[in-house]
Protein backbone atom coordinates (compact mmCIF):
# COMPACT_ATOMS: atom_id res chain seq x y z
CA MET A 1 169.90 96.00 182.30
CA ALA A 2 168.36 98.62 184.57
CA GLU A 3 167.29 95.86 186.96
CA GLN A 4 170.90 94.71 187.34
CA ASN A 5 172.09 98.23 188.15
CA ASP A 6 169.43 98.52 190.85
CA ASP A 7 170.32 95.23 192.53
CA PRO A 8 172.35 96.04 195.67
CA LEU A 9 174.11 92.67 195.78
CA ILE A 10 175.25 92.99 192.15
CA ARG A 11 176.46 96.53 192.84
CA GLN A 12 178.30 95.40 195.99
CA LEU A 13 179.96 92.44 194.27
CA ARG A 14 181.01 94.61 191.33
CA GLU A 15 182.60 97.12 193.74
CA GLN A 16 184.49 94.29 195.44
CA ILE A 17 185.64 92.98 192.05
CA SER A 18 186.84 96.47 191.10
CA ASP A 19 188.75 96.69 194.40
CA ALA A 20 190.35 93.29 193.70
CA ASP A 21 191.27 94.43 190.17
CA ARG A 22 192.97 97.56 191.54
CA THR A 23 194.90 95.39 194.01
CA ILE A 24 196.07 93.18 191.13
CA ILE A 25 197.32 96.22 189.18
CA GLU A 26 199.06 97.66 192.26
CA SER A 27 200.75 94.30 192.88
CA VAL A 28 201.89 93.96 189.26
CA ASN A 29 203.30 97.50 189.34
CA ALA A 30 205.13 96.80 192.61
CA ARG A 31 206.53 93.59 191.11
CA LEU A 32 207.71 95.44 188.00
CA LYS A 33 209.56 98.00 190.09
CA LEU A 34 211.29 95.28 192.13
CA VAL A 35 212.26 93.30 189.05
CA ALA A 36 213.64 96.45 187.40
CA ARG A 37 215.84 97.01 190.47
CA LEU A 38 216.97 93.39 190.40
CA LYS A 39 217.75 93.56 186.68
CA GLU A 40 219.81 96.71 187.14
CA TYR A 41 221.71 95.17 190.06
CA LYS A 42 222.39 91.90 188.26
CA GLU A 43 223.51 93.64 185.07
CA SER A 44 225.88 95.89 187.04
CA ARG A 45 227.58 92.73 188.23
CA GLY A 46 227.63 90.98 184.86
CA LEU A 47 224.95 88.47 185.84
CA SER A 48 222.23 87.17 183.57
CA PHE A 49 218.84 88.79 184.14
CA VAL A 50 216.72 85.72 183.34
CA ASP A 51 217.03 82.79 185.75
CA PRO A 52 215.03 79.76 184.54
CA GLU A 53 215.75 77.81 187.74
CA ARG A 54 214.31 80.65 189.84
CA GLU A 55 211.25 80.81 187.59
CA GLU A 56 210.71 77.06 187.99
CA TRP A 57 211.15 77.33 191.78
CA MET A 58 208.68 80.24 191.94
CA LEU A 59 206.03 78.33 189.99
CA SER A 60 206.45 75.35 192.30
CA TYR A 61 206.29 77.60 195.38
CA LEU A 62 203.15 79.37 194.15
CA THR A 63 201.50 76.07 193.23
CA ARG A 64 202.04 74.82 196.78
CA ALA A 65 200.80 78.11 198.26
CA ASN A 66 197.68 78.26 196.07
CA ARG A 67 194.53 77.36 197.99
CA GLY A 68 192.12 77.81 195.06
CA PRO A 69 189.73 78.10 193.53
CA LEU A 70 192.43 78.86 190.92
CA SER A 71 193.55 75.56 189.37
CA ALA A 72 197.21 74.60 189.11
CA GLU A 73 196.88 74.96 185.33
CA GLY A 74 195.34 78.42 185.70
CA LEU A 75 198.08 79.45 188.09
CA GLN A 76 200.74 78.32 185.63
CA GLU A 77 199.06 80.27 182.80
CA ILE A 78 198.88 83.44 184.89
CA PHE A 79 202.45 83.12 186.16
CA ASN A 80 203.82 82.49 182.66
CA GLU A 81 201.98 85.57 181.40
CA ILE A 82 203.27 87.66 184.31
CA LEU A 83 206.83 86.53 183.61
CA ASP A 84 206.51 87.32 179.91
CA LEU A 85 204.93 90.69 180.62
CA THR A 86 207.56 91.53 183.23
CA LYS A 87 210.41 90.78 180.84
CA ARG A 88 208.84 92.96 178.15
CA GLU A 89 208.03 95.85 180.49
CA VAL A 90 211.39 95.84 182.24
CA GLY A 91 213.06 95.59 178.84
CA ARG A 92 211.28 98.80 177.84
CA GLY A 93 212.74 100.52 180.88
CA GLU A 94 209.28 101.63 182.06
CA ALA A 95 209.04 99.59 185.24
CA GLY A 96 211.28 101.78 187.33
CA SER A 97 209.36 104.96 186.53
């Protein structure tokens, strides 16, 4: 294991991966805040929070925008998880904090 920690390329790639991971978390948090605002707005007007047509459109849009190497199946898995997570988090009222 010591050899891996001394390898500059491994260290550099791990730092880049950590940077990418932080970017993912920042993006998810930004998304949660936006969805919380949208939910509040829609509820104040008596509109349903969940919009299956919008979710379907978004998946189609993201699939077209995806340039890989993430597969279409992988993208769908991630997006479905993000949607489920978003609904749970916003439902807890923590996203707007």
